Amino acid sequence: MDLEQKILEAAIIVFNKKGMKFTMDDLAKQLEISKKTIYTVFLNKEALLYAMVDYMFDSIKESERAIVEDEELSLIEKIRKILVVLPEGYRELDFSQLYQLKEKYPRIYKKVEYRLETGWETTIALLEQGIAEGVIRPIRIPIFKMMFEAALEQFFQRDILAMNKISYAEALDEVLAILVDGIKTGEMT
């Protein structure tokens, strides 16, 4: 693991402990290195957070690939899993703190929005396959995608999860249950 990856992994741990209020001192302490060393890789906290977005979404894409390649999963199971995919190390992260991004770090928030709105090719292909095979009723996929994205973006724009003590993973599961159970046909799993 290179230094950048070590810093990003540690930043995820510190973020989970302290939320958006974590400091570079907290990160240096977690890594047991100097802040100066961190600053050789990341100019500042904003640059670190910006890189964290790509790092986390890239990890999610890797997990998506594993789901699609899992031949033991049914098509509906693949759709369910891919829509709520979080790498194992991220399941307990407190994403409910991300609502603070829009105000404090608008450039990073835009990056999160962009990553939420792109990279849907695999999911769309599974939905299309589900419609073709009759396990999902015919739906307008752009509408489904927009609804799912809008729900996720609301989690990042408002403090609804934090105020209601709902984890991001629990919220994803709830959105998934509402949307997927509303599109599948019969009792297929």
N, C-alpha and C. Protein backbone atom coordinates (compact mmCIF):
# COMPACT_ATOMS: atom_id res chain seq x y z
N MET A 1 0.86 -1.18 0.00
CA MET A 1 0.00 0.00 0.00
C MET A 1 0.91 1.24 0.00
N ASP A 2 0.68 2.15 -0.94
CA ASP A 2 1.50 3.35 -0.99
C ASP A 2 1.02 4.38 0.04
N LEU A 3 1.81 5.44 0.22
CA LEU A 3 1.51 6.44 1.25
C LEU A 3 0.15 7.10 1.02
N GLU A 4 -0.16 7.43 -0.22
CA GLU A 4 -1.45 8.07 -0.51
C GLU A 4 -2.60 7.17 -0.07
N GLN A 5 -2.53 5.90 -0.41
CA GLN A 5 -3.58 4.96 -0.04
C GLN A 5 -3.66 4.80 1.48
N LYS A 6 -2.52 4.75 2.15
CA LYS A 6 -2.52 4.65 3.61
C LYS A 6 -3.19 5.86 4.24
N ILE A 7 -2.90 7.04 3.70
CA ILE A 7 -3.50 8.27 4.22
C ILE A 7 -5.01 8.24 3.99
N LEU A 8 -5.43 7.83 2.81
CA LEU A 8 -6.87 7.79 2.51
C LEU A 8 -7.59 6.78 3.40
N GLU A 9 -7.01 5.61 3.60
CA GLU A 9 -7.62 4.62 4.49
C GLU A 9 -7.72 5.15 5.91
N ALA A 10 -6.67 5.78 6.39
CA ALA A 10 -6.69 6.36 7.74
C ALA A 10 -7.70 7.49 7.82
N ALA A 11 -7.80 8.29 6.77
CA ALA A 11 -8.77 9.40 6.77
C ALA A 11 -10.20 8.87 6.89
N ILE A 12 -10.47 7.75 6.27
CA ILE A 12 -11.80 7.14 6.37
C ILE A 12 -12.07 6.72 7.82
N ILE A 13 -11.07 6.15 8.46
CA ILE A 13 -11.23 5.75 9.87
C ILE A 13 -11.47 6.97 10.75
N VAL A 14 -10.66 8.02 10.56
CA VAL A 14 -10.78 9.23 11.38
C VAL A 14 -12.12 9.93 11.08
N PHE A 15 -12.52 9.94 9.82
CA PHE A 15 -13.82 10.53 9.46
C PHE A 15 -14.93 9.80 10.20
N ASN A 16 -14.83 8.48 10.27
CA ASN A 16 -15.87 7.71 10.95
C ASN A 16 -15.92 8.02 12.44
N LYS A 17 -14.78 8.34 13.04
CA LYS A 17 -14.74 8.66 14.47
C LYS A 17 -15.21 10.09 14.75
N LYS A 18 -14.81 11.03 13.89
CA LYS A 18 -15.03 12.44 14.21
C LYS A 18 -15.90 13.18 13.21
N GLY A 19 -16.31 12.53 12.13
CA GLY A 19 -17.10 13.20 11.12
C GLY A 19 -16.28 14.26 10.40
N MET A 20 -16.97 15.24 9.85
CA MET A 20 -16.32 16.29 9.07
C MET A 20 -15.40 17.15 9.92
N LYS A 21 -15.50 17.04 11.22
CA LYS A 21 -14.70 17.88 12.11
C LYS A 21 -13.30 17.32 12.35
N PHE A 22 -12.96 16.20 11.72
CA PHE A 22 -11.62 15.66 11.94
C PHE A 22 -10.58 16.65 11.43
N THR A 23 -9.43 16.63 12.06
CA THR A 23 -8.35 17.55 11.67
C THR A 23 -7.19 16.75 11.09
N MET A 24 -6.28 17.47 10.48
CA MET A 24 -5.07 16.83 9.97
C MET A 24 -4.24 16.31 11.14
N ASP A 25 -4.33 16.94 12.30
CA ASP A 25 -3.65 16.42 13.49
C ASP A 25 -4.22 15.05 13.86
N ASP A 26 -5.56 14.93 13.82
CA ASP A 26 -6.20 13.64 14.10
C ASP A 26 -5.69 12.57 13.14
N LEU A 27 -5.59 12.95 11.88
CA LEU A 27 -5.13 12.01 10.86
C LEU A 27 -3.68 11.61 11.09
N ALA A 28 -2.83 12.58 11.40
CA ALA A 28 -1.41 12.29 11.66
C ALA A 28 -1.28 11.35 12.86
N LYS A 29 -2.08 11.58 13.88
CA LYS A 29 -2.05 10.72 15.06
C LYS A 29 -2.49 9.30 14.70
N GLN A 30 -3.53 9.18 13.90
CA GLN A 30 -4.01 7.85 13.47
C GLN A 30 -2.92 7.11 12.69
N LEU A 31 -2.22 7.83 11.85
CA LEU A 31 -1.18 7.23 11.02
C LEU A 31 0.15 7.06 11.73
N GLU A 32 0.29 7.78 12.85
CA GLU A 32 1.56 7.82 13.58
C GLU A 32 2.68 8.34 12.69
N ILE A 33 2.36 9.42 11.95
CA ILE A 33 3.34 10.13 11.14
C ILE A 33 3.13 11.63 11.37
N SER A 34 4.01 12.44 10.83
CA SER A 34 3.87 13.88 11.01
C SER A 34 2.87 14.46 10.01
N LYS A 35 2.29 15.59 10.40
CA LYS A 35 1.40 16.30 9.48
C LYS A 35 2.18 16.69 8.23
N LYS A 36 3.43 17.04 8.41
CA LYS A 36 4.29 17.45 7.30
C LYS A 36 4.32 16.37 6.22
N THR A 37 4.37 15.12 6.64
CA THR A 37 4.38 14.00 5.70
C THR A 37 3.05 13.93 4.94
N ILE A 38 1.96 14.14 5.64
CA ILE A 38 0.65 14.14 4.99
C ILE A 38 0.59 15.25 3.95
N TYR A 39 1.13 16.42 4.31
CA TYR A 39 1.09 17.57 3.40
C TYR A 39 1.99 17.40 2.19
N THR A 40 2.89 16.39 2.20
CA THR A 40 3.66 16.11 0.99
C THR A 40 2.79 15.40 -0.05
N VAL A 41 1.69 14.80 0.41
CA VAL A 41 0.79 14.07 -0.48
C VAL A 41 -0.46 14.90 -0.79
N PHE A 42 -1.02 15.55 0.24
CA PHE A 42 -2.23 16.35 0.08
C PHE A 42 -1.96 17.77 0.56
N LEU A 43 -2.27 18.73 -0.28
CA LEU A 43 -2.00 20.13 0.01
C LEU A 43 -2.71 20.61 1.27
N ASN A 44 -3.96 20.13 1.46
CA ASN A 44 -4.77 20.55 2.61
C ASN A 44 -5.92 19.55 2.81
N LYS A 45 -6.74 19.82 3.78
CA LYS A 45 -7.86 18.91 4.09
C LYS A 45 -8.82 18.82 2.92
N GLU A 46 -9.07 19.93 2.24
CA GLU A 46 -9.99 19.90 1.10
C GLU A 46 -9.46 18.98 0.00
N ALA A 47 -8.18 19.05 -0.29
CA ALA A 47 -7.58 18.17 -1.30
C ALA A 47 -7.70 16.71 -0.88
N LEU A 48 -7.51 16.45 0.40
CA LEU A 48 -7.66 15.09 0.94
C LEU A 48 -9.10 14.61 0.76
N LEU A 49 -10.07 15.43 1.15
CA LEU A 49 -11.48 15.05 1.01
C LEU A 49 -11.85 14.81 -0.45
N TYR A 50 -11.33 15.64 -1.32
CA TYR A 50 -11.60 15.50 -2.77
C TYR A 50 -11.09 14.13 -3.25
N ALA A 51 -9.87 13.78 -2.84
CA ALA A 51 -9.31 12.47 -3.22
C ALA A 51 -10.09 11.33 -2.58
N MET A 52 -10.59 11.54 -1.36
CA MET A 52 -11.38 10.51 -0.67
C MET A 52 -12.63 10.15 -1.46
N VAL A 53 -13.25 11.14 -2.09
CA VAL A 53 -14.46 10.88 -2.87
C VAL A 53 -14.16 9.87 -3.97
N ASP A 54 -13.11 10.15 -4.75
CA ASP A 54 -12.77 9.22 -5.83
C ASP A 54 -12.35 7.86 -5.28
N TYR A 55 -11.57 7.86 -4.22
CA TYR A 55 -11.09 6.61 -3.63
C TYR A 55 -12.27 5.74 -3.18
N MET A 56 -13.23 6.36 -2.52
CA MET A 56 -14.38 5.60 -2.02
C MET A 56 -15.28 5.13 -3.17
N PHE A 57 -15.55 5.99 -4.13
CA PHE A 57 -16.40 5.58 -5.26
C PHE A 57 -15.70 4.52 -6.11
N ASP A 58 -14.37 4.63 -6.26
CA ASP A 58 -13.64 3.60 -7.00
C ASP A 58 -13.73 2.25 -6.27
N SER A 59 -13.67 2.27 -4.96
CA SER A 59 -13.82 1.04 -4.17
C SER A 59 -15.22 0.45 -4.35
N ILE A 60 -16.21 1.32 -4.42
CA ILE A 60 -17.59 0.87 -4.65
C ILE A 60 -17.70 0.20 -6.02
N LYS A 61 -17.05 0.77 -7.02
CA LYS A 61 -17.08 0.18 -8.37
C LYS A 61 -16.42 -1.20 -8.37
N GLU A 62 -15.35 -1.38 -7.61
CA GLU A 62 -14.72 -2.69 -7.49
C GLU A 62 -15.68 -3.70 -6.87
N SER A 63 -16.40 -3.27 -5.85
CA SER A 63 -17.39 -4.15 -5.21
C SER A 63 -18.53 -4.48 -6.17
N GLU A 64 -18.91 -3.54 -7.00
CA GLU A 64 -19.95 -3.79 -8.01
C GLU A 64 -19.52 -4.91 -8.94
N ARG A 65 -18.28 -4.86 -9.39
CA ARG A 65 -17.78 -5.89 -10.31
C ARG A 65 -17.88 -7.28 -9.67
N ALA A 66 -17.54 -7.37 -8.40
CA ALA A 66 -17.61 -8.66 -7.70
C ALA A 66 -19.05 -9.17 -7.65
N ILE A 67 -20.00 -8.28 -7.45
CA ILE A 67 -21.41 -8.66 -7.41
C ILE A 67 -21.86 -9.20 -8.76
N VAL A 68 -21.55 -8.48 -9.81
CA VAL A 68 -21.96 -8.89 -11.16
C VAL A 68 -21.36 -10.24 -11.53
N GLU A 69 -20.14 -10.49 -11.09
CA GLU A 69 -19.46 -11.74 -11.43
C GLU A 69 -19.86 -12.91 -10.54
N ASP A 70 -20.61 -12.67 -9.49
CA ASP A 70 -21.03 -13.74 -8.57
C ASP A 70 -22.16 -14.54 -9.21
N GLU A 71 -21.82 -15.72 -9.68
CA GLU A 71 -22.78 -16.56 -10.40
C GLU A 71 -23.82 -17.20 -9.49
N GLU A 72 -23.60 -17.13 -8.17
CA GLU A 72 -24.56 -17.72 -7.24
C GLU A 72 -25.73 -16.79 -6.94
N LEU A 73 -25.63 -15.54 -7.32
CA LEU A 73 -26.70 -14.57 -7.06
C LEU A 73 -27.71 -14.56 -8.20
N SER A 74 -28.97 -14.47 -7.84
CA SER A 74 -30.01 -14.31 -8.86
C SER A 74 -29.93 -12.88 -9.40
N LEU A 75 -30.62 -12.63 -10.46
CA LEU A 75 -30.61 -11.29 -11.07
C LEU A 75 -31.15 -10.25 -10.09
N ILE A 76 -32.24 -10.54 -9.41
CA ILE A 76 -32.80 -9.59 -8.44
C ILE A 76 -31.83 -9.37 -7.29
N GLU A 77 -31.17 -10.43 -6.84
CA GLU A 77 -30.17 -10.26 -5.77
C GLU A 77 -29.04 -9.36 -6.22
N LYS A 78 -28.61 -9.53 -7.46
CA LYS A 78 -27.54 -8.67 -8.00
C LYS A 78 -27.99 -7.22 -8.04
N ILE A 79 -29.22 -6.99 -8.50
CA ILE A 79 -29.75 -5.63 -8.55
C ILE A 79 -29.82 -5.03 -7.15
N ARG A 80 -30.35 -5.78 -6.23
CA ARG A 80 -30.43 -5.31 -4.83
C ARG A 80 -29.05 -4.95 -4.29
N LYS A 81 -28.11 -5.86 -4.46
CA LYS A 81 -26.78 -5.66 -3.90
C LYS A 81 -26.04 -4.51 -4.58
N ILE A 82 -26.19 -4.39 -5.88
CA ILE A 82 -25.44 -3.36 -6.59
C ILE A 82 -25.96 -1.96 -6.25
N LEU A 83 -27.25 -1.85 -5.96
CA LEU A 83 -27.82 -0.54 -5.62
C LEU A 83 -27.40 -0.05 -4.24
N VAL A 84 -27.06 -0.96 -3.34
CA VAL A 84 -26.65 -0.55 -1.99
C VAL A 84 -25.21 -0.92 -1.70
N VAL A 85 -24.46 -1.19 -2.75
CA VAL A 85 -23.10 -1.67 -2.56
C VAL A 85 -22.24 -0.66 -1.79
N LEU A 86 -21.65 -1.16 -0.76
CA LEU A 86 -20.63 -0.44 -0.01
C LEU A 86 -19.56 -1.47 0.32
N PRO A 87 -18.31 -1.17 0.04
CA PRO A 87 -17.27 -2.12 0.43
C PRO A 87 -17.38 -2.41 1.92
N GLU A 88 -16.99 -3.60 2.31
CA GLU A 88 -17.17 -4.04 3.70
C GLU A 88 -16.66 -3.02 4.71
N GLY A 89 -15.53 -2.42 4.46
CA GLY A 89 -14.97 -1.45 5.39
C GLY A 89 -15.76 -0.16 5.50
N TYR A 90 -16.71 0.06 4.60
CA TYR A 90 -17.48 1.31 4.59
C TYR A 90 -18.87 1.14 5.18
N ARG A 91 -19.29 -0.08 5.49
CA ARG A 91 -20.66 -0.31 5.96
C ARG A 91 -20.99 0.47 7.23
N GLU A 92 -20.00 0.69 8.08
CA GLU A 92 -20.26 1.37 9.34
C GLU A 92 -19.89 2.85 9.31
N LEU A 93 -19.48 3.35 8.16
CA LEU A 93 -19.13 4.77 8.07
C LEU A 93 -20.35 5.65 8.32
N ASP A 94 -20.12 6.77 8.92
CA ASP A 94 -21.20 7.71 9.22
C ASP A 94 -21.37 8.71 8.08
N PHE A 95 -21.96 8.24 6.97
CA PHE A 95 -22.18 9.09 5.82
C PHE A 95 -23.21 10.18 6.11
N SER A 96 -23.92 10.04 7.21
CA SER A 96 -24.93 11.06 7.53
C SER A 96 -24.28 12.42 7.75
N GLN A 97 -22.98 12.46 8.00
CA GLN A 97 -22.27 13.73 8.19
C GLN A 97 -22.01 14.44 6.86
N LEU A 98 -22.18 13.75 5.75
CA LEU A 98 -21.84 14.34 4.46
C LEU A 98 -22.75 15.50 4.06
N TYR A 99 -23.86 15.66 4.75
CA TYR A 99 -24.74 16.79 4.42
C TYR A 99 -24.00 18.12 4.60
N GLN A 100 -22.96 18.12 5.42
CA GLN A 100 -22.19 19.34 5.67
C GLN A 100 -21.32 19.74 4.48
N LEU A 101 -21.12 18.85 3.54
CA LEU A 101 -20.27 19.14 2.39
C LEU A 101 -20.77 20.30 1.55
N LYS A 102 -22.05 20.34 1.29
CA LYS A 102 -22.59 21.33 0.36
C LYS A 102 -22.23 22.75 0.77
N GLU A 103 -22.33 23.03 2.04
CA GLU A 103 -22.06 24.37 2.53
C GLU A 103 -20.57 24.63 2.73
N LYS A 104 -19.89 23.68 3.33
CA LYS A 104 -18.49 23.90 3.72
C LYS A 104 -17.50 23.61 2.60
N TYR A 105 -17.78 22.61 1.78
CA TYR A 105 -16.89 22.22 0.70
C TYR A 105 -17.70 22.01 -0.59
N PRO A 106 -18.19 23.07 -1.20
CA PRO A 106 -19.05 22.92 -2.38
C PRO A 106 -18.39 22.20 -3.56
N ARG A 107 -17.09 22.36 -3.73
CA ARG A 107 -16.39 21.68 -4.84
C ARG A 107 -16.42 20.17 -4.62
N ILE A 108 -16.25 19.75 -3.39
CA ILE A 108 -16.27 18.32 -3.07
C ILE A 108 -17.69 17.79 -3.20
N TYR A 109 -18.66 18.59 -2.76
CA TYR A 109 -20.05 18.18 -2.90
C TYR A 109 -20.40 17.95 -4.37
N LYS A 110 -19.92 18.84 -5.25
CA LYS A 110 -20.16 18.69 -6.69
C LYS A 110 -19.56 17.38 -7.19
N LYS A 111 -18.40 17.03 -6.66
CA LYS A 111 -17.74 15.78 -7.05
C LYS A 111 -18.58 14.58 -6.61
N VAL A 112 -19.12 14.62 -5.39
CA VAL A 112 -19.99 13.54 -4.91
C VAL A 112 -21.22 13.44 -5.81
N GLU A 113 -21.83 14.57 -6.12
CA GLU A 113 -23.00 14.58 -7.02
C GLU A 113 -22.65 13.94 -8.36
N TYR A 114 -21.52 14.34 -8.91
CA TYR A 114 -21.10 13.80 -10.21
C TYR A 114 -20.92 12.29 -10.13
N ARG A 115 -20.27 11.82 -9.08
CA ARG A 115 -20.03 10.38 -8.97
C ARG A 115 -21.32 9.61 -8.73
N LEU A 116 -22.29 10.21 -8.04
CA LEU A 116 -23.60 9.56 -7.86
C LEU A 116 -24.36 9.46 -9.17
N GLU A 117 -24.20 10.46 -10.02
CA GLU A 117 -24.99 10.54 -11.25
C GLU A 117 -24.36 9.81 -12.42
N THR A 118 -23.10 9.38 -12.30
CA THR A 118 -22.43 8.69 -13.40
C THR A 118 -22.07 7.27 -12.97
N GLY A 119 -21.63 6.49 -13.93
CA GLY A 119 -21.20 5.12 -13.63
C GLY A 119 -22.35 4.15 -13.43
N TRP A 120 -23.49 4.45 -14.00
CA TRP A 120 -24.68 3.62 -13.84
C TRP A 120 -24.80 2.50 -14.89
N GLU A 121 -23.82 2.38 -15.78
CA GLU A 121 -23.95 1.45 -16.90
C GLU A 121 -24.24 0.02 -16.45
N THR A 122 -23.53 -0.46 -15.46
CA THR A 122 -23.72 -1.84 -14.98
C THR A 122 -25.11 -2.02 -14.38
N THR A 123 -25.53 -1.07 -13.57
CA THR A 123 -26.85 -1.15 -12.95
C THR A 123 -27.95 -1.10 -14.01
N ILE A 124 -27.81 -0.20 -14.96
CA ILE A 124 -28.81 -0.09 -16.03
C ILE A 124 -28.88 -1.39 -16.83
N ALA A 125 -27.72 -1.98 -17.11
CA ALA A 125 -27.71 -3.25 -17.85
C ALA A 125 -28.45 -4.34 -17.07
N LEU A 126 -28.25 -4.39 -15.75
CA LEU A 126 -28.97 -5.38 -14.93
C LEU A 126 -30.47 -5.11 -14.93
N LEU A 127 -30.85 -3.84 -14.82
CA LEU A 127 -32.28 -3.50 -14.85
C LEU A 127 -32.89 -3.88 -16.20
N GLU A 128 -32.19 -3.59 -17.28
CA GLU A 128 -32.69 -3.94 -18.61
C GLU A 128 -32.81 -5.46 -18.75
N GLN A 129 -31.84 -6.19 -18.23
CA GLN A 129 -31.90 -7.65 -18.26
C GLN A 129 -33.09 -8.14 -17.45
N GLY A 130 -33.32 -7.54 -16.29
CA GLY A 130 -34.46 -7.92 -15.45
C GLY A 130 -35.79 -7.70 -16.15
N ILE A 131 -35.89 -6.60 -16.87
CA ILE A 131 -37.12 -6.32 -17.63
C ILE A 131 -37.27 -7.35 -18.75
N ALA A 132 -36.17 -7.62 -19.48
CA ALA A 132 -36.22 -8.57 -20.59
C ALA A 132 -36.59 -9.98 -20.11
N GLU A 133 -36.11 -10.35 -18.92
CA GLU A 133 -36.39 -11.68 -18.38
C GLU A 133 -37.71 -11.74 -17.62
N GLY A 134 -38.36 -10.61 -17.43
CA GLY A 134 -39.65 -10.59 -16.77
C GLY A 134 -39.61 -10.63 -15.25
N VAL A 135 -38.45 -10.45 -14.63
CA VAL A 135 -38.39 -10.43 -13.17
C VAL A 135 -38.58 -9.02 -12.62
N ILE A 136 -38.52 -8.06 -13.51
CA ILE A 136 -38.83 -6.66 -13.17
C ILE A 136 -39.90 -6.21 -14.16
N ARG A 137 -40.91 -5.56 -13.64
CA ARG A 137 -41.94 -5.06 -14.55
C ARG A 137 -41.33 -3.96 -15.42
N PRO A 138 -41.88 -3.74 -16.59
CA PRO A 138 -41.33 -2.67 -17.44
C PRO A 138 -41.40 -1.31 -16.73
N ILE A 139 -40.27 -0.68 -16.61
CA ILE A 139 -40.18 0.64 -15.99
C ILE A 139 -39.38 1.56 -16.89
N ARG A 140 -39.50 2.83 -16.64
CA ARG A 140 -38.64 3.80 -17.35
C ARG A 140 -37.39 3.96 -16.49
N ILE A 141 -36.32 3.37 -16.94
CA ILE A 141 -35.08 3.34 -16.16
C ILE A 141 -34.58 4.74 -15.81
N PRO A 142 -34.66 5.73 -16.71
CA PRO A 142 -34.21 7.07 -16.31
C PRO A 142 -34.98 7.63 -15.10
N ILE A 143 -36.25 7.28 -14.98
CA ILE A 143 -37.05 7.73 -13.84
C ILE A 143 -36.58 7.01 -12.57
N PHE A 144 -36.38 5.70 -12.66
CA PHE A 144 -35.87 4.92 -11.52
C PHE A 144 -34.53 5.49 -11.05
N LYS A 145 -33.63 5.73 -12.00
CA LYS A 145 -32.31 6.27 -11.70
C LYS A 145 -32.43 7.63 -11.02
N MET A 146 -33.27 8.49 -11.56
CA MET A 146 -33.46 9.83 -11.00
C MET A 146 -34.01 9.75 -9.57
N MET A 147 -34.95 8.86 -9.32
CA MET A 147 -35.51 8.71 -7.98
C MET A 147 -34.47 8.23 -6.99
N PHE A 148 -33.67 7.26 -7.41
CA PHE A 148 -32.64 6.72 -6.52
C PHE A 148 -31.58 7.78 -6.22
N GLU A 149 -31.11 8.46 -7.27
CA GLU A 149 -30.12 9.53 -7.09
C GLU A 149 -30.66 10.63 -6.19
N ALA A 150 -31.91 11.02 -6.42
CA ALA A 150 -32.50 12.11 -5.63
C ALA A 150 -32.55 11.74 -4.14
N ALA A 151 -32.88 10.49 -3.86
CA ALA A 151 -32.91 10.05 -2.46
C ALA A 151 -31.52 10.16 -1.85
N LEU A 152 -30.51 9.67 -2.56
CA LEU A 152 -29.14 9.72 -2.05
C LEU A 152 -28.68 11.16 -1.87
N GLU A 153 -28.97 11.99 -2.84
CA GLU A 153 -28.56 13.39 -2.75
C GLU A 153 -29.21 14.09 -1.56
N GLN A 154 -30.43 13.73 -1.24
CA GLN A 154 -31.08 14.32 -0.07
C GLN A 154 -30.35 13.93 1.21
N PHE A 155 -29.80 12.71 1.25
CA PHE A 155 -29.02 12.30 2.42
C PHE A 155 -27.81 13.21 2.59
N PHE A 156 -27.23 13.67 1.47
CA PHE A 156 -26.03 14.50 1.53
C PHE A 156 -26.35 15.98 1.69
N GLN A 157 -27.58 16.38 1.41
CA GLN A 157 -27.95 17.80 1.47
C GLN A 157 -28.57 18.19 2.80
N ARG A 158 -29.10 17.23 3.49
CA ARG A 158 -29.84 17.54 4.71
C ARG A 158 -29.33 16.67 5.85
N ASP A 159 -29.67 17.05 7.04
CA ASP A 159 -29.21 16.29 8.20
C ASP A 159 -30.25 15.29 8.70
N ILE A 160 -31.15 14.87 7.80
CA ILE A 160 -32.25 13.98 8.18
C ILE A 160 -31.75 12.67 8.80
N LEU A 161 -30.67 12.11 8.27
CA LEU A 161 -30.16 10.85 8.82
C LEU A 161 -29.58 11.08 10.21
N ALA A 162 -28.77 12.10 10.35
CA ALA A 162 -28.15 12.39 11.66
C ALA A 162 -29.22 12.69 12.71
N MET A 163 -30.22 13.51 12.34
CA MET A 163 -31.26 13.88 13.29
C MET A 163 -32.09 12.68 13.74
N ASN A 164 -32.26 11.71 12.85
CA ASN A 164 -33.09 10.55 13.16
C ASN A 164 -32.27 9.32 13.54
N LYS A 165 -30.96 9.52 13.70
CA LYS A 165 -30.06 8.43 14.09
C LYS A 165 -30.21 7.21 13.17
N ILE A 166 -30.24 7.50 11.88
CA ILE A 166 -30.33 6.46 10.86
C ILE A 166 -28.98 6.42 10.15
N SER A 167 -28.39 5.24 10.07
CA SER A 167 -27.11 5.15 9.37
C SER A 167 -27.36 5.24 7.86
N TYR A 168 -26.31 5.58 7.15
CA TYR A 168 -26.41 5.65 5.69
C TYR A 168 -26.78 4.28 5.13
N ALA A 169 -26.17 3.22 5.65
CA ALA A 169 -26.46 1.87 5.18
C ALA A 169 -27.93 1.52 5.42
N GLU A 170 -28.48 1.88 6.59
CA GLU A 170 -29.90 1.62 6.87
C GLU A 170 -30.80 2.40 5.92
N ALA A 171 -30.43 3.64 5.65
CA ALA A 171 -31.22 4.48 4.74
C ALA A 171 -31.18 3.89 3.32
N LEU A 172 -30.01 3.46 2.88
CA LEU A 172 -29.90 2.83 1.56
C LEU A 172 -30.78 1.60 1.48
N ASP A 173 -30.75 0.77 2.52
CA ASP A 173 -31.58 -0.44 2.53
C ASP A 173 -33.07 -0.10 2.44
N GLU A 174 -33.47 0.96 3.13
CA GLU A 174 -34.89 1.37 3.11
C GLU A 174 -35.30 1.87 1.73
N VAL A 175 -34.46 2.71 1.13
CA VAL A 175 -34.75 3.21 -0.23
C VAL A 175 -34.82 2.03 -1.18
N LEU A 176 -33.89 1.12 -1.05
CA LEU A 176 -33.86 -0.06 -1.91
C LEU A 176 -35.14 -0.87 -1.77
N ALA A 177 -35.57 -1.11 -0.55
CA ALA A 177 -36.78 -1.90 -0.33
C ALA A 177 -37.99 -1.23 -0.99
N ILE A 178 -38.07 0.07 -0.86
CA ILE A 178 -39.21 0.79 -1.44
C ILE A 178 -39.16 0.74 -2.96
N LEU A 179 -38.00 1.01 -3.54
CA LEU A 179 -37.91 1.06 -5.00
C LEU A 179 -37.91 -0.32 -5.64
N VAL A 180 -37.12 -1.24 -5.14
CA VAL A 180 -37.01 -2.55 -5.79
C VAL A 180 -38.27 -3.38 -5.57
N ASP A 181 -38.79 -3.39 -4.36
CA ASP A 181 -39.99 -4.17 -4.14
C ASP A 181 -41.16 -3.62 -4.95
N GLY A 182 -41.06 -2.37 -5.33
CA GLY A 182 -42.09 -1.77 -6.17
C GLY A 182 -41.93 -2.07 -7.65
N ILE A 183 -40.75 -2.63 -8.06
CA ILE A 183 -40.55 -2.88 -9.48
C ILE A 183 -40.53 -4.35 -9.85
N LYS A 184 -40.31 -5.23 -8.85
CA LYS A 184 -40.20 -6.63 -9.24
C LYS A 184 -41.58 -7.25 -9.46
N THR A 185 -41.58 -8.29 -10.23
CA THR A 185 -42.83 -9.00 -10.49
C THR A 185 -42.89 -10.22 -9.59
N GLY A 186 -44.05 -10.62 -9.20
CA GLY A 186 -44.22 -11.85 -8.42
C GLY A 186 -43.39 -11.85 -7.15
N GLU A 187 -43.01 -13.04 -6.74
CA GLU A 187 -42.24 -13.23 -5.48
C GLU A 187 -40.81 -13.67 -5.78
N MET A 188 -40.24 -13.24 -6.88
CA MET A 188 -38.88 -13.64 -7.26
C MET A 188 -37.87 -12.98 -6.32
N THR A 189 -36.78 -13.67 -6.01
CA THR A 189 -35.70 -13.11 -5.20
C THR A 189 -34.37 -13.29 -5.88
